[in-house]
Protein backbone atom coordinates (compact mmCIF):
# COMPACT_ATOMS: atom_id res chain seq x y z
CA MET A 1 -35.56 14.11 56.16
CA GLY A 2 -39.29 14.63 55.69
CA LYS A 3 -39.53 17.10 58.57
CA TYR A 4 -36.56 19.01 57.20
CA LEU A 5 -38.14 19.29 53.74
CA LEU A 6 -41.45 20.47 55.20
CA LYS A 7 -39.64 23.05 57.30
CA ARG A 8 -37.70 24.35 54.30
CA LEU A 9 -40.88 24.41 52.20
CA GLY A 10 -42.63 26.53 54.81
CA GLN A 11 -39.67 28.90 55.01
CA SER A 12 -39.66 29.20 51.20
CA ILE A 13 -43.34 30.18 51.09
CA ILE A 14 -42.82 32.78 53.83
CA ALA A 15 -39.81 34.19 51.94
CA ILE A 16 -41.82 34.57 48.72
CA LEU A 17 -44.70 36.28 50.52
CA GLY A 18 -42.29 38.60 52.34
CA ILE A 19 -40.63 39.66 49.09
CA THR A 20 -43.96 40.33 47.38
CA VAL A 21 -45.18 42.43 50.32
CA VAL A 22 -42.06 44.62 50.39
CA VAL A 23 -41.94 45.18 46.63
CA PHE A 24 -45.69 45.76 46.29
CA PHE A 25 -45.90 48.43 48.97
CA ILE A 26 -42.68 50.18 47.90
CA LEU A 27 -43.86 50.37 44.29
CA HIS A 28 -47.29 51.69 45.19
CA LEU A 29 -45.80 54.37 47.40
CA THR A 30 -43.84 55.84 44.46
CA GLY A 31 -46.89 57.41 42.81
CA ASN A 32 -50.03 56.85 40.80
CA PRO A 33 -49.39 55.08 37.45
CA VAL A 34 -52.54 56.66 36.04
CA GLU A 35 -50.57 59.89 35.62
CA LEU A 36 -48.37 58.12 33.06
CA MET A 37 -51.27 56.52 31.24
CA VAL A 38 -53.13 59.70 30.36
CA SER A 39 -52.23 62.81 28.41
CA PRO A 40 -51.00 65.95 30.18
CA THR A 41 -54.28 67.70 29.33
CA THR A 42 -56.40 65.17 31.25
CA SER A 43 -58.32 66.76 34.08
CA LYS A 44 -57.99 65.66 37.69
CA GLU A 45 -61.62 64.52 37.69
CA GLU A 46 -61.00 62.18 34.75
CA MET A 47 -57.85 60.84 36.40
CA GLU A 48 -59.77 60.23 39.60
CA ILE A 49 -62.47 58.31 37.73
CA LEU A 50 -59.83 56.17 35.98
CA SER A 51 -58.03 55.50 39.27
CA GLU A 52 -61.32 54.37 40.80
CA GLU A 53 -62.09 52.06 37.87
CA MET A 54 -58.64 50.47 38.04
CA GLY A 55 -58.76 50.03 41.81
CA PHE A 56 -55.90 52.37 42.69
CA ASN A 57 -58.06 54.21 45.20
CA ASP A 58 -58.56 51.07 47.28
CA PRO A 59 -56.48 50.67 50.45
CA LEU A 60 -53.06 49.13 49.80
CA PRO A 61 -53.85 45.92 51.76
CA VAL A 62 -56.91 45.39 49.55
CA GLN A 63 -54.84 45.97 46.41
CA TYR A 64 -52.19 43.54 47.69
CA VAL A 65 -54.72 40.77 48.34
CA ARG A 66 -56.12 41.31 44.84
CA PHE A 67 -52.59 41.15 43.41
CA LEU A 68 -51.78 37.96 45.34
CA LYS A 69 -54.95 36.21 44.19
CA GLY A 70 -54.10 37.03 40.59
CA ALA A 71 -50.45 36.00 41.03
CA LEU A 72 -51.48 32.53 42.20
CA VAL A 73 -53.16 31.91 38.83
CA GLY A 74 -50.55 33.77 36.77
CA ASP A 75 -52.64 36.90 36.29
CA PHE A 76 -50.62 40.03 37.09
CA GLY A 77 -52.91 42.40 35.25
CA THR A 78 -52.23 44.42 32.11
CA SER A 79 -49.07 46.35 31.41
CA TYR A 80 -49.85 50.06 31.40
CA TYR A 81 -47.05 50.77 28.93
CA TYR A 82 -47.38 47.85 26.47
CA ASN A 83 -51.15 47.40 26.90
CA GLU A 84 -50.65 43.63 27.02
CA PRO A 85 -50.89 41.06 29.83
CA ALA A 86 -47.88 41.54 32.09
CA MET A 87 -47.08 37.83 32.09
CA SER A 88 -46.92 37.77 28.28
CA VAL A 89 -44.56 40.76 28.24
CA VAL A 90 -42.23 39.08 30.74
CA LEU A 91 -42.32 35.64 29.12
CA GLU A 92 -41.44 37.21 25.79
CA ARG A 93 -38.17 38.49 27.29
CA ALA A 94 -37.46 35.47 29.51
CA PRO A 95 -35.67 33.29 26.88
CA ALA A 96 -33.04 35.99 26.30
CA THR A 97 -32.27 36.25 30.04
CA LEU A 98 -32.26 32.47 30.43
CA THR A 99 -29.83 32.11 27.52
CA LEU A 100 -27.54 34.77 28.97
CA ALA A 101 -27.59 33.18 32.45
CA CYS A 102 -26.84 29.68 31.09
CA ALA A 103 -23.95 31.00 28.98
CA ALA A 104 -22.58 32.94 31.96
CA LEU A 105 -22.82 29.84 34.18
CA LEU A 106 -20.98 27.77 31.58
CA ILE A 107 -18.20 30.37 31.41
CA SER A 108 -17.95 30.52 35.20
CA VAL A 109 -17.60 26.73 35.43
CA VAL A 110 -15.07 26.51 32.59
CA LEU A 111 -12.95 29.27 34.12
CA GLY A 112 -13.53 28.75 37.84
CA ILE A 113 -13.12 25.00 38.37
CA PRO A 114 -9.77 24.49 36.54
CA ALA A 115 -8.37 27.66 38.11
CA GLY A 116 -9.42 26.51 41.58
CA ILE A 117 -7.81 23.09 41.09
CA VAL A 118 -4.52 24.57 39.86
CA ALA A 119 -4.43 27.10 42.71
CA ALA A 120 -4.99 24.38 45.33
CA VAL A 121 -2.58 21.83 43.88
CA LYS A 122 0.17 24.46 43.40
CA ARG A 123 -0.49 26.22 46.68
CA ASN A 124 1.78 29.19 47.49
CA SER A 125 3.33 29.09 44.02
CA VAL A 126 3.41 31.84 41.41
CA SER A 127 0.43 30.24 39.64
CA ASP A 128 -1.53 30.24 42.88
CA ALA A 129 -0.72 33.90 43.52
CA VAL A 130 -1.72 34.96 40.00
CA ILE A 131 -5.00 33.02 40.16
CA ARG A 132 -5.86 34.47 43.58
CA VAL A 133 -5.22 38.00 42.36
CA LEU A 134 -7.36 37.44 39.26
CA ALA A 135 -10.13 35.90 41.37
CA LEU A 136 -10.05 38.86 43.72
CA LEU A 137 -10.23 41.27 40.79
CA GLY A 138 -13.11 39.25 39.36
CA GLN A 139 -15.11 39.74 42.54
CA CYS A 140 -14.20 43.42 42.91
CA MET A 141 -14.77 44.73 39.38
CA PRO A 142 -18.23 46.31 38.88
CA ALA A 143 -20.15 44.64 36.07
CA PHE A 144 -20.95 47.93 34.35
CA TRP A 145 -17.26 48.95 34.28
CA LEU A 146 -16.09 45.57 32.99
CA GLY A 147 -18.80 45.59 30.34
CA ILE A 148 -17.85 49.05 29.13
CA MET A 149 -14.15 48.12 29.00
CA LEU A 150 -14.92 44.99 26.97
CA ILE A 151 -17.07 46.99 24.55
CA MET A 152 -14.33 49.60 24.10
CA LEU A 153 -11.67 46.96 23.48
CA PHE A 154 -13.36 44.18 21.49
CA ALA A 155 -16.19 46.11 19.82
CA VAL A 156 -14.95 49.66 19.28
CA LYS A 157 -11.18 49.26 18.93
CA LEU A 158 -10.79 45.75 17.50
CA GLY A 159 -14.20 45.42 15.89
CA TRP A 160 -14.47 41.72 16.72
CA MET A 161 -17.79 41.88 18.56
CA PRO A 162 -20.97 43.94 18.27
CA THR A 163 -21.43 46.75 20.79
CA GLY A 164 -24.81 45.47 21.96
CA GLY A 165 -28.15 43.93 21.10
CA ALA A 166 -28.80 40.31 20.16
CA GLU A 167 -28.99 40.55 16.37
CA ASP A 168 -25.67 38.77 15.72
CA GLY A 169 -26.52 35.60 17.61
CA LEU A 170 -23.56 33.97 19.35
CA ARG A 171 -21.24 36.93 18.71
CA SER A 172 -23.66 39.18 20.58
CA LEU A 173 -23.78 36.74 23.51
CA ILE A 174 -20.05 36.39 24.21
CA LEU A 175 -19.29 39.76 25.83
CA PRO A 176 -22.37 40.01 28.10
CA ALA A 177 -22.03 36.35 29.14
CA PHE A 178 -18.36 36.85 30.03
CA THR A 179 -19.16 40.05 31.94
CA LEU A 180 -21.89 38.31 33.91
CA GLY A 181 -19.91 35.11 34.48
CA VAL A 182 -16.66 36.63 35.78
CA PHE A 183 -17.96 37.20 39.31
CA SER A 184 -19.34 33.64 39.57
CA ALA A 185 -16.11 32.21 38.16
CA ALA A 186 -14.10 34.03 40.83
CA THR A 187 -16.45 32.79 43.55
CA ILE A 188 -16.25 29.18 42.37
CA CYS A 189 -12.46 29.38 42.04
CA ARG A 190 -11.89 30.70 45.56
CA LEU A 191 -14.35 28.27 47.15
CA LEU A 192 -12.94 25.25 45.33
CA ARG A 193 -9.38 26.22 46.20
CA SER A 194 -10.28 26.51 49.88
CA ASN A 195 -12.19 23.21 49.93
CA LEU A 196 -9.54 21.33 47.99
CA ILE A 197 -6.71 22.56 50.26
CA GLU A 198 -8.72 21.40 53.27
CA VAL A 199 -9.39 17.98 51.73
CA LEU A 200 -5.74 17.53 50.70
CA GLY A 201 -4.83 17.83 54.39
CA LYS A 202 -7.06 14.92 55.46
CA GLU A 203 -5.65 11.63 56.73
CA TYR A 204 -7.11 9.50 53.95
CA ILE A 205 -5.17 11.59 51.43
CA ASP A 206 -1.95 10.80 53.36
CA VAL A 207 -2.91 7.11 53.26
CA ALA A 208 -3.45 7.29 49.50
CA LYS A 209 -0.03 8.91 49.10
CA ALA A 210 1.54 6.21 51.28
CA LYS A 211 0.07 3.54 49.01
CA GLY A 212 1.95 5.08 46.11
CA LEU A 213 -1.09 6.18 44.12
CA PRO A 214 -0.38 8.64 41.30
CA LYS A 215 -0.93 12.30 42.18
CA SER A 216 -3.48 12.70 39.40
CA LYS A 217 -5.54 9.80 40.79
CA ILE A 218 -5.33 11.11 44.35
CA ILE A 219 -6.59 14.53 43.29
CA GLY A 220 -9.16 13.38 40.74
CA LYS A 221 -10.66 10.38 42.49
CA HIS A 222 -10.30 11.18 46.19
CA ALA A 223 -9.71 14.88 46.85
CA LEU A 224 -11.72 16.52 44.07
CA LYS A 225 -14.72 14.26 44.59
CA ASN A 226 -15.09 15.39 48.21
CA ALA A 227 -14.22 19.02 47.55
CA MET A 228 -16.81 19.31 44.76
CA SER A 229 -19.82 18.53 46.99
CA SER A 230 -20.22 22.15 48.08
CA ILE A 231 -19.42 23.41 44.55
CA ILE A 232 -22.30 21.40 43.09
CA THR A 233 -24.73 22.93 45.55
CA ILE A 234 -23.44 26.49 45.09
CA LEU A 235 -23.84 26.24 41.31
CA GLY A 236 -27.60 26.31 41.79
CA MET A 237 -27.36 29.44 43.91
CA GLN A 238 -25.02 31.03 41.36
CA PHE A 239 -27.49 30.29 38.57
CA ALA A 240 -30.29 31.98 40.52
CA SER A 241 -28.00 34.95 41.18
CA LEU A 242 -27.14 35.18 37.48
CA LEU A 243 -30.82 35.30 36.57
CA GLY A 244 -31.48 38.08 39.04
CA GLY A 245 -28.18 39.87 38.61
CA SER A 246 -28.33 40.33 34.85
CA VAL A 247 -30.03 43.73 35.17
CA ILE A 248 -26.88 45.85 34.88
CA THR A 249 -25.27 43.64 32.23
CA GLU A 250 -28.37 43.67 30.05
CA GLN A 251 -28.57 47.44 30.33
CA VAL A 252 -24.92 47.93 29.36
CA PHE A 253 -25.13 45.62 26.34
CA ALA A 254 -28.73 46.49 25.38
CA TRP A 255 -29.60 42.82 25.78
CA PRO A 256 -33.37 42.33 25.25
CA GLY A 257 -33.99 40.40 28.45
CA VAL A 258 -35.99 40.64 31.64
CA GLY A 259 -33.31 42.72 33.39
CA ARG A 260 -33.56 45.53 30.88
CA LEU A 261 -37.33 45.24 30.93
CA VAL A 262 -37.54 45.70 34.70
CA ILE A 263 -35.47 48.92 34.57
CA HIS A 264 -37.72 50.30 31.85
CA SER A 265 -40.83 49.28 33.78
CA ILE A 266 -39.59 50.92 36.98
CA THR A 267 -38.86 54.21 35.20
CA THR A 268 -42.34 54.19 33.61
CA SER A 269 -44.09 53.01 36.82
CA ASP A 270 -45.42 49.96 34.99
CA PHE A 271 -46.38 48.25 38.25
CA ALA A 272 -47.90 45.13 36.72
CA VAL A 273 -44.71 44.19 34.86
CA VAL A 274 -42.42 44.96 37.81
CA GLU A 275 -44.57 42.92 40.20
CA CYS A 276 -44.67 40.04 37.73
CA ILE A 277 -40.89 40.03 37.30
CA VAL A 278 -40.18 40.28 41.02
CA PHE A 279 -42.67 37.54 41.85
CA LEU A 280 -41.30 35.15 39.23
CA MET A 281 -37.68 35.88 40.18
CA ALA A 282 -38.47 35.35 43.86
CA VAL A 283 -40.15 32.03 43.11
CA ILE A 284 -37.26 30.89 40.91
CA PHE A 285 -34.64 31.92 43.47
CA VAL A 286 -36.44 30.26 46.38
CA VAL A 287 -37.17 27.07 44.43
CA ILE A 288 -33.54 26.76 43.31
CA ASN A 289 -32.34 27.29 46.88
CA PHE A 290 -34.80 24.65 48.07
CA ILE A 291 -33.49 22.18 45.47
CA VAL A 292 -29.91 23.04 46.47
CA ASP A 293 -30.68 22.28 50.12
CA VAL A 294 -32.20 18.93 49.16
CA LEU A 295 -29.25 18.02 46.93
CA TYR A 296 -26.81 18.95 49.67
CA CYS A 297 -28.57 16.54 52.02
CA VAL A 298 -28.34 13.82 49.37
CA ILE A 299 -24.68 14.50 48.58
CA ASN A 300 -23.55 14.96 52.18
CA PRO A 301 -25.15 12.40 54.54
CA ARG A 302 -23.62 14.15 57.57
CA VAL A 303 -26.07 17.01 57.10
CA ARG A 304 -29.01 14.60 57.44
CA LEU A 305 -27.54 13.17 60.63
CA GLN A 306 -27.14 16.62 62.11
């Protein structure tokens, strides 16, 4: 167990470094941010002096090492657009994204788990067919299209919800959270259905039926308990995906979160903010995956034996 954890920890560190290298070099190959920081009348000599002072004339490997040293202590430099520390700009938007991701995860669990149970228990029935079609649609529909359709129906036509922003509290959260949580709900539903059908075919389930146990007890106590082991671990991965995948949803609903911030920072070449967001998201995603791997070993002893 200890060797496995050390191995996964080493892989996690390598993954974070790899992500930072790719993003850093791609961003710095897109252009010089000094051009966006100065007025159009600024001479090339003045721009060159400013680039030298800010270190943009240094070789990219030197700039990357400087960025990595700062990242280790939480210093990602100053935002060129907001003229504030990049970390402060990101942390100011982080609660909105975290709230949206938690709400989306709650919706995905509330929708996905009951639907998966019904589809597995009533396999090959009309209910199963309807749920499978809806789950397939949930995984196929683009988030931006679903978000626009929801806005047109519930905000524009019916007037029940606001079109965007976060000024109306819970009412503003419902549509973006549903849009973001549909894909995860479909994933959970299909995975749980598959696992539960497999478990219901095991011998110990036949023994429980032979003993005359009620169907509800067989499913709830024996089948569902074993089928949920992989669902519990995938929830962590889904949460990390929701944090990183909220970019499109936040843009559609004008949600003031990190996803909308990163799009704005990319368009304005605000390197410090983009690097900060990517680094933090990479760390969060890798850490959650590491925790998921550990939990899976705890939940499923067969993995430790293998």
